[in-house]
């Protein structure tokens, strides 16, 4: 596990920064809830009557006056968007950075097969995504107790499981794409995540674009669906994991066969 340890060591500062910022944001968001709660009835009514804007973010189906509804909407914005960017940036650079930074010769000088290099690099992506989500989930749960609000554990965990799977899917897709780049693909990773996020917004605004839910991983992280139905859309999750698997396999094959510039 030389490569795995090496990748985790290299990424530890970046992981710490991302985890700290997102965790602190979620805790602060919950700590200000008691003050915002006083005006929540008016805010909730405002969002319910904002038409397509409310539909785009699912606010017409959630009572943000409740702690769980408020948390869900904020988590969708913070963990959903920023977490998606984190996974994308992590995955899109993991295989290409050796050529970009001219460290491929050092990497390939070790008696390790390319297939093992790909495996351990992918494992490092998954581990970092897991660490990020475990820490955020733990401290977010604690924040409910700090402000003395009831935590609906089932819905809370389902929400975070959905975010975790979404990040794994995005990270895996970008990981596969990374094998095709020789230089930085950060723009592609960020752009892809943004497009997938806006695909979900478009899907919520118009029924004619409902098919987009089969494309974007944000389709199964819909807070409105998870909180109202109390379950995950397993069909969409299964499809998303299939996409992830396909991209990882393509990336695996490409990296093994490609000519790596040293």
Foldseek 3Di string as FASTA:
>chain_A
DVLLVVVCVVCVVVLVVLLVVLLVVLLVQLVCLVVCLVVQVVVLVVLLPPALVSLLQVSVQARCSASLSVSLSVCCVRLVQSVQLVLLQLQQCLQQVCLAVVVVVVVVVDPDALLVNLVSSLVSSLVSLVVSLVSSLVSSVVSCVVVVHDDPVLLSVQLSVLSSLLSLLLNLLSNLVNLVDNHGPSVVSSVVSVVLSVLSSVVSNDVVSVCSLLPHSVVQNRSSCCVVVVHTDVVSSVSSVVSSVVSSVNSSVSNNPDDRDD
